[in-house]
N, C-alpha and C. Protein backbone atom coordinates (compact mmCIF):
# COMPACT_ATOMS: atom_id res chain seq x y z
N UNK A 1 40.78 111.96 -111.13
CA UNK A 1 41.96 112.68 -112.03
C UNK A 1 41.96 111.24 -113.58
N UNK A 2 41.97 112.02 -115.13
CA UNK A 2 42.20 111.10 -115.46
C UNK A 2 43.22 110.62 -115.83
N UNK A 3 43.83 109.32 -116.80
CA UNK A 3 45.05 109.15 -116.96
C UNK A 3 45.83 109.98 -118.27
N UNK A 4 47.13 109.99 -118.11
CA UNK A 4 47.41 110.52 -119.00
C UNK A 4 47.84 109.66 -120.30
N UNK A 5 47.22 110.05 -121.63
CA UNK A 5 47.65 108.32 -123.01
C UNK A 5 48.94 109.00 -122.99
N UNK A 6 49.29 107.95 -123.16
CA UNK A 6 51.03 107.49 -123.86
C UNK A 6 51.22 107.17 -124.78
N UNK A 7 50.39 106.29 -125.04
CA UNK A 7 50.43 105.29 -126.01
C UNK A 7 50.92 106.18 -128.24
N UNK A 8 50.62 107.38 -127.97
CA UNK A 8 50.98 107.45 -129.05
C UNK A 8 52.25 108.71 -129.13
N UNK A 9 53.04 108.77 -128.01
CA UNK A 9 53.91 109.17 -127.88
C UNK A 9 55.06 109.19 -128.73
N UNK A 10 55.55 107.54 -128.74
CA UNK A 10 56.49 107.42 -129.42
C UNK A 10 56.54 107.45 -130.99
N UNK A 11 55.26 107.70 -131.10
CA UNK A 11 54.89 107.54 -132.96
C UNK A 11 55.13 109.12 -133.13
N UNK A 12 55.19 110.22 -132.17
CA UNK A 12 55.31 111.04 -132.31
C UNK A 12 56.37 111.56 -132.57
N UNK A 13 57.09 111.20 -131.81
CA UNK A 13 58.35 111.93 -131.25
C UNK A 13 58.88 111.16 -132.24
N UNK A 14 59.24 110.23 -132.40
CA UNK A 14 60.27 109.27 -134.14
C UNK A 14 59.23 110.25 -135.31
N UNK A 15 57.95 110.67 -135.96
CA UNK A 15 57.73 110.78 -137.04
C UNK A 15 58.13 112.20 -136.96
N UNK A 16 58.26 113.19 -135.75
CA UNK A 16 59.56 114.74 -135.58
C UNK A 16 60.86 114.81 -136.37
N UNK A 17 61.04 112.98 -135.44
CA UNK A 17 62.83 113.51 -135.39
C UNK A 17 62.80 112.74 -137.05
N UNK A 18 62.02 111.99 -138.22
CA UNK A 18 62.31 112.01 -139.17
C UNK A 18 62.11 113.06 -140.47
N UNK A 19 61.52 113.53 -139.72
CA UNK A 19 61.03 115.15 -140.39
C UNK A 19 62.12 115.52 -140.17
N UNK A 20 62.54 115.82 -139.13
CA UNK A 20 64.25 117.16 -138.60
C UNK A 20 64.60 117.02 -139.57
N UNK A 21 65.17 115.44 -139.76
CA UNK A 21 66.39 115.00 -140.12
C UNK A 21 66.62 115.14 -141.77
N UNK A 22 65.30 114.74 -142.14
CA UNK A 22 64.98 114.84 -143.97
C UNK A 22 65.04 116.76 -143.82
N UNK A 23 64.81 117.89 -143.01
CA UNK A 23 64.94 118.79 -143.38
C UNK A 23 66.04 119.24 -143.27
N UNK A 24 66.23 119.02 -142.15
CA UNK A 24 67.98 119.49 -142.08
C UNK A 24 69.25 119.02 -144.16
N UNK A 25 68.57 117.61 -144.09
CA UNK A 25 69.53 117.12 -145.13
C UNK A 25 68.86 117.96 -146.04
N UNK A 26 67.78 118.21 -146.72
CA UNK A 26 67.52 119.17 -147.82
C UNK A 26 68.27 120.38 -147.18
N UNK A 27 67.90 121.40 -146.21
CA UNK A 27 68.59 122.08 -145.99
C UNK A 27 69.95 122.01 -146.66
N UNK A 28 70.98 121.71 -146.08
CA UNK A 28 72.11 121.07 -145.83
C UNK A 28 73.34 120.95 -147.64
N UNK A 29 72.55 120.09 -148.03
CA UNK A 29 72.16 119.42 -149.79
C UNK A 29 71.87 120.77 -150.65
N UNK A 30 70.99 122.32 -150.17
CA UNK A 30 70.75 123.40 -151.57
C UNK A 30 72.37 124.27 -151.02
N UNK A 31 73.18 123.70 -150.30
CA UNK A 31 73.93 124.74 -150.05
C UNK A 31 75.68 124.34 -151.03
N UNK A 32 76.12 125.32 -151.76
CA UNK A 32 76.77 124.87 -152.59
C UNK A 32 78.71 125.05 -151.63
N UNK A 33 79.44 123.80 -151.80
CA UNK A 33 80.11 123.96 -150.87
C UNK A 33 81.57 123.81 -152.31
N UNK A 34 82.90 125.13 -152.29
CA UNK A 34 84.09 125.06 -153.05
C UNK A 34 84.56 123.20 -153.47
N UNK A 35 84.74 122.41 -154.42
CA UNK A 35 84.97 120.94 -154.84
C UNK A 35 87.11 121.39 -154.46
N UNK A 36 86.92 122.25 -154.54
CA UNK A 36 88.98 121.73 -154.13
C UNK A 36 89.23 123.10 -153.14
N UNK A 37 88.68 123.03 -151.97
CA UNK A 37 89.64 124.19 -150.98
C UNK A 37 90.89 124.17 -151.41
N UNK A 38 91.39 125.28 -151.88
CA UNK A 38 92.87 125.79 -151.48
C UNK A 38 93.69 126.44 -150.43
N UNK A 39 94.57 126.36 -149.84
CA UNK A 39 94.88 127.67 -149.01
C UNK A 39 95.76 128.71 -149.54
N UNK A 40 95.35 129.09 -148.59
CA UNK A 40 95.10 131.28 -149.26
C UNK A 40 96.95 131.46 -148.46
N UNK A 41 97.98 131.71 -148.91
CA UNK A 41 98.99 132.31 -148.65
C UNK A 41 99.00 133.33 -147.64
N UNK A 42 99.88 132.89 -146.17
CA UNK A 42 100.14 133.91 -145.64
C UNK A 42 100.77 134.78 -145.55
N UNK A 43 100.90 136.26 -145.15
CA UNK A 43 101.81 136.95 -145.74
C UNK A 43 102.70 137.22 -143.65
N UNK A 44 103.75 136.97 -143.78
CA UNK A 44 104.22 136.66 -142.29
C UNK A 44 105.02 138.09 -141.61
N UNK A 45 104.36 139.26 -140.72
CA UNK A 45 105.02 140.37 -140.88
C UNK A 45 105.76 140.60 -139.66
N UNK A 46 107.00 141.02 -140.05
CA UNK A 46 108.33 141.26 -138.42
C UNK A 46 107.69 142.81 -137.92
N UNK A 47 107.39 142.91 -136.44
CA UNK A 47 107.32 143.55 -136.17
C UNK A 47 108.67 144.37 -135.35
N UNK A 48 108.76 145.81 -135.48
CA UNK A 48 110.07 146.17 -135.17
C UNK A 48 109.96 146.40 -133.14
N UNK A 49 110.09 145.80 -132.54
CA UNK A 49 110.35 146.19 -130.98
C UNK A 49 111.05 146.90 -130.39
N UNK A 50 110.65 148.08 -129.81
CA UNK A 50 112.61 148.47 -129.55
C UNK A 50 112.89 147.67 -128.68
N UNK A 51 112.18 146.83 -127.63
CA UNK A 51 113.22 146.19 -126.37
C UNK A 51 113.87 145.02 -127.51
N UNK A 52 113.93 144.62 -128.46
CA UNK A 52 114.26 143.55 -129.30
C UNK A 52 116.22 144.25 -129.94
N UNK A 53 116.02 145.47 -129.86
CA UNK A 53 117.02 146.07 -130.68
C UNK A 53 118.50 146.10 -129.25
N UNK A 54 117.66 145.88 -128.09
CA UNK A 54 119.74 146.09 -127.22
C UNK A 54 119.02 145.07 -126.15
N UNK A 55 120.00 144.80 -125.88
CA UNK A 55 120.24 143.11 -124.81
C UNK A 55 119.99 143.35 -123.63
N UNK A 56 118.19 142.93 -123.20
CA UNK A 56 118.28 143.44 -121.60
C UNK A 56 118.83 142.25 -120.63
N UNK A 57 118.74 141.65 -118.78
CA UNK A 57 118.96 141.68 -118.57
C UNK A 57 118.31 140.92 -117.20
N UNK A 58 117.72 139.91 -116.93
CA UNK A 58 115.96 139.82 -116.22
C UNK A 58 117.32 139.55 -114.81
N UNK A 59 116.87 139.74 -113.85
CA UNK A 59 117.63 139.23 -112.66
C UNK A 59 116.31 138.56 -112.04
N UNK A 60 116.88 137.35 -111.08
CA UNK A 60 116.04 136.94 -110.64
C UNK A 60 116.36 136.49 -109.13
N UNK A 61 114.88 136.81 -108.30
CA UNK A 61 115.51 137.80 -107.14
C UNK A 61 116.57 136.31 -105.80
N UNK A 62 116.38 135.48 -106.30
CA UNK A 62 117.50 134.53 -105.95
C UNK A 62 118.60 135.00 -106.08
N UNK A 63 118.63 135.49 -107.38
CA UNK A 63 121.24 135.46 -107.47
C UNK A 63 120.70 136.58 -106.78
N UNK A 64 120.21 137.47 -106.57
CA UNK A 64 120.99 138.43 -106.01
C UNK A 64 121.17 138.66 -104.64
N UNK A 65 122.39 139.68 -104.33
CA UNK A 65 122.72 139.40 -103.11
C UNK A 65 122.18 139.73 -101.89
N UNK A 66 122.46 139.36 -101.04
CA UNK A 66 121.60 139.83 -99.60
C UNK A 66 121.63 140.42 -99.07
N UNK A 67 121.14 140.87 -98.39
CA UNK A 67 120.61 142.68 -98.22
C UNK A 67 121.14 143.18 -96.79
């Protein structure tokens, strides 16, 4: 059974990594980004819920009288 020649693996992996890095840099550099990003004003809306209009009492099970 012949041996697998791994002597060229290092240069192959290194060159492909460098090529991918360069391609990604070129791809990202072609994009246009805004120079001064501004904050968009958000409008808070208050919703009316029926349970907010009346007072409700929540009873804890431990505070109830013994049965």
